[in-house]
Amino acid sequence: MHVLTMDETTATLIEALRAQVLKKGYGGMRGLALAFKSLDIDFSKRIVFEELKIGIESYGIRMSEGYLRRLFKALDKDNSGGIDFLEFMKALEPPMKSHRKVVINEAFDKLDVTKDDVLNVEDMKVVYATNARSHPKYQSGEWTEDEVLRSFLDSIDTPGNPDGKVTRDEFMNYYAGVSATIDDDCYFDLMMRSCYGLPPKSSQSKKRPQ
């Protein structure tokens, strides 16, 4: 009989939890992150077993305590009684093919006008000012241009802690959730290019005339 190593065990347990989270759609990972952040009262960014259990239950996922204890033990590699929140969420992040990461990075690079690896309202003004002014809430006078652009950033930012800035990792994490709901590679690529006005993939592969 094949005996799972610790790494294999951890991967199997994480995969089972990830499958449950992704049933809630591409916002599943963000929702789970928000559930855990609400428990981090002391801002330690560490999760103890009871917090893991409460966070999973509060998000509406039913898993046995035995399963959760096995998962927690596998992740608590130093037996400290706590697991790192960011590492935990990173482990849950759906795996993506390299070419999907490429187009996500292309989109981020287009938005990152200042080239500081952080998206903020000033970046958005350069790229999407026209789009912001066509937003219904801008046209009704309810929101300013900055508020429209900040709303876009907050939709991608880390749940529960929006600061008006989106890092490359946060951008990648958001679209990892979107990617997990789209099976077709070509459709995902087309969706990203259409959404962010990126050149078609085929045009990038053509050699420029000498």
Protein backbone atom coordinates (compact mmCIF):
# COMPACT_ATOMS: atom_id res chain seq x y z
CA MET A 1 0.00 0.00 0.00
CA HIS A 2 1.28 3.47 -0.92
CA VAL A 3 1.90 5.63 2.15
CA LEU A 4 1.53 9.35 1.59
CA THR A 5 4.44 11.52 2.55
CA MET A 6 3.75 14.72 4.50
CA ASP A 7 3.99 16.80 1.32
CA GLU A 8 1.56 14.54 -0.51
CA THR A 9 -0.80 14.53 2.44
CA THR A 10 -0.78 18.31 2.65
CA ALA A 11 -1.40 18.64 -1.09
CA THR A 12 -4.31 16.18 -0.94
CA LEU A 13 -5.95 17.94 2.01
CA ILE A 14 -5.47 21.38 0.46
CA GLU A 15 -6.90 20.15 -2.86
CA ALA A 16 -10.05 18.90 -1.13
CA LEU A 17 -10.57 22.22 0.67
CA ARG A 18 -9.83 24.19 -2.50
CA ALA A 19 -12.48 22.22 -4.37
CA GLN A 20 -15.08 23.17 -1.76
CA VAL A 21 -14.11 26.85 -1.87
CA LEU A 22 -14.19 27.02 -5.67
CA LYS A 23 -17.76 25.75 -5.70
CA LYS A 24 -18.66 29.27 -4.58
CA GLY A 25 -17.28 30.74 -7.82
CA TYR A 26 -14.27 32.89 -8.64
CA GLY A 27 -14.86 35.04 -5.56
CA GLY A 28 -14.58 32.02 -3.32
CA MET A 29 -10.96 32.54 -2.33
CA ARG A 30 -11.53 36.21 -1.60
CA GLY A 31 -14.56 35.41 0.53
CA LEU A 32 -12.63 32.84 2.55
CA ALA A 33 -9.78 35.32 3.03
CA LEU A 34 -12.28 37.86 4.37
CA ALA A 35 -13.73 35.28 6.76
CA PHE A 36 -10.28 34.64 8.24
CA LYS A 37 -9.29 38.30 8.37
CA SER A 38 -12.36 39.05 10.48
CA LEU A 39 -11.02 36.58 13.08
CA ASP A 40 -7.54 38.10 13.21
CA ILE A 41 -8.36 40.52 16.02
CA ASP A 42 -4.75 40.88 17.17
CA PHE A 43 -3.45 41.33 13.57
CA SER A 44 -0.98 38.49 14.13
CA LYS A 45 -1.62 37.06 10.64
CA ARG A 46 -1.52 33.65 12.30
CA ILE A 47 -4.35 31.11 12.43
CA VAL A 48 -4.79 28.76 15.39
CA PHE A 49 -6.92 25.64 15.03
CA GLU A 50 -10.10 27.16 16.48
CA GLU A 51 -9.82 30.09 14.05
CA LEU A 52 -9.42 27.67 11.15
CA LYS A 53 -12.51 25.78 12.26
CA ILE A 54 -14.61 28.93 12.83
CA GLY A 55 -13.44 30.50 9.56
CA ILE A 56 -14.34 27.45 7.50
CA GLU A 57 -17.73 27.09 9.19
CA SER A 58 -18.57 30.81 8.96
CA TYR A 59 -17.95 30.63 5.24
CA GLY A 60 -20.50 27.85 4.90
CA ILE A 61 -18.14 24.95 4.22
CA ARG A 62 -18.90 21.73 6.06
CA MET A 63 -15.86 19.62 6.92
CA SER A 64 -15.30 17.21 9.76
CA GLU A 65 -13.17 18.27 12.71
CA GLY A 66 -10.96 15.26 12.07
CA TYR A 67 -10.23 16.46 8.54
CA LEU A 68 -9.49 19.99 9.72
CA ARG A 69 -7.14 18.73 12.45
CA ARG A 70 -5.22 16.69 9.88
CA LEU A 71 -5.01 19.74 7.60
CA PHE A 72 -3.89 22.01 10.43
CA LYS A 73 -1.26 19.53 11.64
CA ALA A 74 0.11 19.14 8.11
CA LEU A 75 0.43 22.92 7.69
CA ASP A 76 1.82 23.58 11.18
CA LYS A 77 5.23 22.29 10.19
CA ASP A 78 7.05 23.72 13.23
CA ASN A 79 4.36 22.54 15.70
CA SER A 80 3.93 26.10 16.96
CA GLY A 81 0.15 25.81 17.26
CA GLY A 82 -0.43 28.32 14.48
CA ILE A 83 -0.17 28.57 10.70
CA ASP A 84 0.74 31.62 8.63
CA PHE A 85 -2.39 33.17 7.11
CA LEU A 86 -0.73 34.35 3.90
CA GLU A 87 1.02 31.01 3.33
CA PHE A 88 -2.25 29.20 3.93
CA MET A 89 -4.11 31.32 1.36
CA LYS A 90 -1.20 30.98 -1.07
CA ALA A 91 -1.40 27.19 -0.75
CA LEU A 92 -5.13 27.34 -1.51
CA GLU A 93 -4.61 29.43 -4.63
CA PRO A 94 -5.69 27.41 -7.69
CA PRO A 95 -2.74 26.32 -9.84
CA MET A 96 -2.50 28.05 -13.21
CA LYS A 97 -0.78 27.24 -16.46
CA SER A 98 2.17 29.46 -17.28
CA HIS A 99 0.55 31.08 -20.31
CA ARG A 100 -2.38 32.21 -18.18
CA LYS A 101 0.04 33.87 -15.78
CA VAL A 102 1.70 35.55 -18.76
CA VAL A 103 -1.51 37.27 -19.90
CA ILE A 104 -2.38 38.28 -16.33
CA ASN A 105 1.04 39.86 -15.97
CA GLU A 106 0.56 41.61 -19.32
CA ALA A 107 -2.66 43.15 -18.02
CA PHE A 108 -0.98 44.25 -14.79
CA ASP A 109 1.95 45.75 -16.69
CA LYS A 110 -0.43 47.80 -18.85
CA LEU A 111 -2.21 49.18 -15.79
CA ASP A 112 1.01 49.83 -13.86
CA VAL A 113 1.86 53.13 -15.55
CA THR A 114 4.42 54.12 -12.88
CA LYS A 115 6.13 50.71 -13.09
CA ASP A 116 6.38 50.36 -9.32
CA ASP A 117 4.55 46.98 -9.16
CA VAL A 118 1.57 48.60 -7.42
CA LEU A 119 -1.71 49.75 -8.98
CA ASN A 120 -3.32 52.88 -7.55
CA VAL A 121 -5.83 55.54 -8.59
CA GLU A 122 -3.16 57.58 -10.35
CA ASP A 123 -2.32 54.61 -12.58
CA MET A 124 -5.99 54.10 -13.33
CA LYS A 125 -6.46 57.75 -14.31
CA VAL A 126 -3.94 57.35 -17.11
CA VAL A 127 -5.40 54.11 -18.46
CA TYR A 128 -9.12 54.22 -17.62
CA ALA A 129 -10.16 57.85 -17.08
CA THR A 130 -12.57 57.70 -20.05
CA ASN A 131 -14.12 54.45 -18.79
CA ALA A 132 -14.56 55.96 -15.32
CA ARG A 133 -16.46 58.93 -16.70
CA SER A 134 -18.90 56.61 -18.48
CA HIS A 135 -19.73 54.79 -15.22
CA PRO A 136 -23.42 55.25 -14.26
CA LYS A 137 -22.57 56.49 -10.76
CA TYR A 138 -20.17 59.08 -12.16
CA GLN A 139 -22.73 60.29 -14.68
CA SER A 140 -25.39 60.54 -11.96
CA GLY A 141 -23.04 62.61 -9.81
CA GLU A 142 -23.05 60.03 -7.01
CA TRP A 143 -19.33 59.20 -7.39
CA THR A 144 -16.32 61.21 -8.45
CA GLU A 145 -13.87 59.87 -11.03
CA ASP A 146 -11.49 58.88 -8.22
CA GLU A 147 -14.27 56.99 -6.43
CA VAL A 148 -15.09 55.01 -9.57
CA LEU A 149 -11.45 54.05 -10.03
CA ARG A 150 -11.03 53.25 -6.33
CA SER A 151 -14.07 50.96 -6.54
CA PHE A 152 -12.35 49.04 -9.35
CA LEU A 153 -9.19 48.65 -7.27
CA ASP A 154 -11.15 47.57 -4.18
CA SER A 155 -12.86 44.82 -6.19
CA ILE A 156 -9.42 43.25 -6.77
CA ASP A 157 -7.73 44.25 -3.52
CA THR A 158 -7.35 41.90 -0.53
CA PRO A 159 -10.81 41.45 1.04
CA GLY A 160 -11.34 43.17 4.37
CA ASN A 161 -8.27 45.35 3.94
CA PRO A 162 -8.68 47.51 0.82
CA ASP A 163 -6.09 50.28 0.83
CA GLY A 164 -6.47 51.71 -2.65
CA LYS A 165 -3.40 49.82 -3.81
CA VAL A 166 -3.22 46.48 -5.61
CA THR A 167 0.06 44.59 -5.73
CA ARG A 168 1.01 42.20 -8.50
CA ASP A 169 0.41 39.27 -6.11
CA GLU A 170 -3.09 40.53 -5.24
CA PHE A 171 -3.87 40.97 -8.94
CA MET A 172 -2.59 37.46 -9.68
CA ASN A 173 -4.53 35.96 -6.74
CA TYR A 174 -7.77 37.55 -7.93
CA TYR A 175 -7.41 36.19 -11.45
CA ALA A 176 -6.32 32.79 -10.15
CA GLY A 177 -9.85 32.54 -8.78
CA VAL A 178 -11.33 33.67 -12.09
CA SER A 179 -9.08 31.22 -13.95
CA ALA A 180 -10.33 28.31 -11.86
CA THR A 181 -13.86 28.86 -13.21
CA ILE A 182 -12.79 28.88 -16.89
CA ASP A 183 -11.67 25.57 -18.41
CA ASP A 184 -10.88 26.81 -21.91
CA ASP A 185 -7.39 28.36 -22.17
CA CYS A 186 -8.23 30.27 -25.35
CA TYR A 187 -11.36 31.77 -23.82
CA PHE A 188 -9.46 32.88 -20.70
CA ASP A 189 -6.78 34.52 -22.84
CA LEU A 190 -9.40 36.22 -25.05
CA MET A 191 -11.33 37.42 -21.98
CA MET A 192 -8.24 39.00 -20.41
CA ARG A 193 -7.14 40.67 -23.66
CA SER A 194 -10.62 42.02 -24.36
CA CYS A 195 -11.09 43.28 -20.79
CA TYR A 196 -7.78 45.14 -20.68
CA GLY A 197 -7.36 46.09 -24.33
CA LEU A 198 -4.31 43.92 -24.86
CA PRO A 199 -3.15 43.07 -28.40
CA PRO A 200 -4.30 39.68 -29.76
CA LYS A 201 -1.98 36.82 -28.92
CA SER A 202 -1.37 36.04 -32.60
CA SER A 203 -0.09 39.55 -33.32
CA GLN A 204 2.53 39.20 -30.62
CA SER A 205 4.00 36.11 -32.20
CA LYS A 206 4.48 37.76 -35.62
CA LYS A 207 7.94 39.00 -36.36
CA ARG A 208 8.30 42.67 -37.09
CA PRO A 209 9.45 43.48 -40.63
CA GLN A 210 13.13 44.27 -40.91
